[in-house]
Amino acid sequence: MFKMFAVICAVTVLECNTMHEDPPRTFATKEECIEAAIIKEKWTRDMLTDEDGYLSVEHLEVGCERVENI
């Protein structure tokens, strides 16, 4: 099983938070998770982009990690 995470660094790469979906979604395969992560990253990037087209955070990374069966 896999779940999605997002790493968001607001000001510097040293000030980062790892976030998870709430409620969490789990995926049977890494490929399914990556497909959903691509969509989530685009949506999040759109939400965090200002009117001039600049990302309002220093760093954004969305990915997948293995979890034990729930």
Protein backbone atom coordinates (compact mmCIF):
# COMPACT_ATOMS: atom_id res chain seq x y z
CA MET A 1 0.00 0.00 0.00
CA PHE A 2 1.10 3.55 -0.68
CA LYS A 3 0.03 6.98 0.48
CA MET A 4 0.72 10.45 -0.83
CA PHE A 5 2.76 13.14 0.88
CA ALA A 6 3.64 16.74 0.12
CA VAL A 7 6.73 18.62 1.26
CA ILE A 8 6.18 22.36 1.35
CA CYS A 9 8.93 24.82 2.24
CA ALA A 10 7.48 28.24 2.90
CA VAL A 11 10.50 30.53 3.16
CA THR A 12 13.67 28.45 2.89
CA VAL A 13 14.43 24.82 2.20
CA LEU A 14 15.36 24.56 5.89
CA GLU A 15 11.79 25.43 6.95
CA CYS A 16 9.80 22.56 5.45
CA ASN A 17 6.69 20.67 6.49
CA THR A 18 5.67 17.21 5.35
CA MET A 19 1.93 16.96 4.94
CA HIS A 20 -0.45 14.06 4.31
CA GLU A 21 -4.02 13.99 3.04
CA ASP A 22 -6.79 14.14 5.60
CA PRO A 23 -8.59 11.82 5.35
CA PRO A 24 -5.73 9.77 3.97
CA ARG A 25 -6.11 7.87 0.73
CA THR A 26 -4.18 4.66 0.18
CA PHE A 27 -3.29 3.11 -3.15
CA ALA A 28 -2.69 -0.54 -3.95
CA THR A 29 0.27 0.20 -6.23
CA LYS A 30 2.93 2.87 -6.43
CA GLU A 31 1.85 3.60 -10.01
CA GLU A 32 -1.72 4.42 -8.88
CA CYS A 33 -0.33 6.67 -6.16
CA ILE A 34 2.00 8.47 -8.57
CA GLU A 35 -0.89 9.14 -10.97
CA ALA A 36 -2.88 10.73 -8.12
CA ALA A 37 0.22 12.61 -6.89
CA ILE A 38 0.71 14.22 -10.31
CA ILE A 39 -2.86 15.51 -10.21
CA LYS A 40 -2.48 16.68 -6.59
CA GLU A 41 0.79 18.49 -7.35
CA LYS A 42 -0.76 20.36 -10.29
CA TRP A 43 -3.78 21.36 -8.18
CA THR A 44 -1.57 22.43 -5.25
CA ARG A 45 0.83 24.32 -7.52
CA ASP A 46 -2.14 26.18 -9.07
CA MET A 47 -3.43 27.07 -5.58
CA LEU A 48 -0.01 28.34 -4.44
CA THR A 49 0.78 30.38 -7.55
CA ASP A 50 0.19 34.12 -7.27
CA GLU A 51 -1.41 36.37 -9.88
CA ASP A 52 1.99 37.06 -11.47
CA GLY A 53 2.61 33.35 -12.02
CA TYR A 54 5.16 32.88 -9.23
CA LEU A 55 4.99 29.96 -6.82
CA SER A 56 4.42 31.47 -3.37
CA VAL A 57 6.49 28.82 -1.57
CA GLU A 58 10.20 28.07 -1.82
CA HIS A 59 9.76 24.35 -2.59
CA LEU A 60 6.89 21.98 -3.36
CA GLU A 61 7.26 18.23 -3.74
CA VAL A 62 4.45 15.68 -3.94
CA GLY A 63 5.26 11.99 -3.88
CA CYS A 64 4.36 8.56 -2.57
CA GLU A 65 5.60 6.43 0.27
CA ARG A 66 5.01 2.83 1.27
CA VAL A 67 2.77 2.19 4.26
CA GLU A 68 1.97 -0.99 6.13
CA ASN A 69 -1.43 -2.51 5.44
CA ILE A 70 -4.05 -0.66 7.41
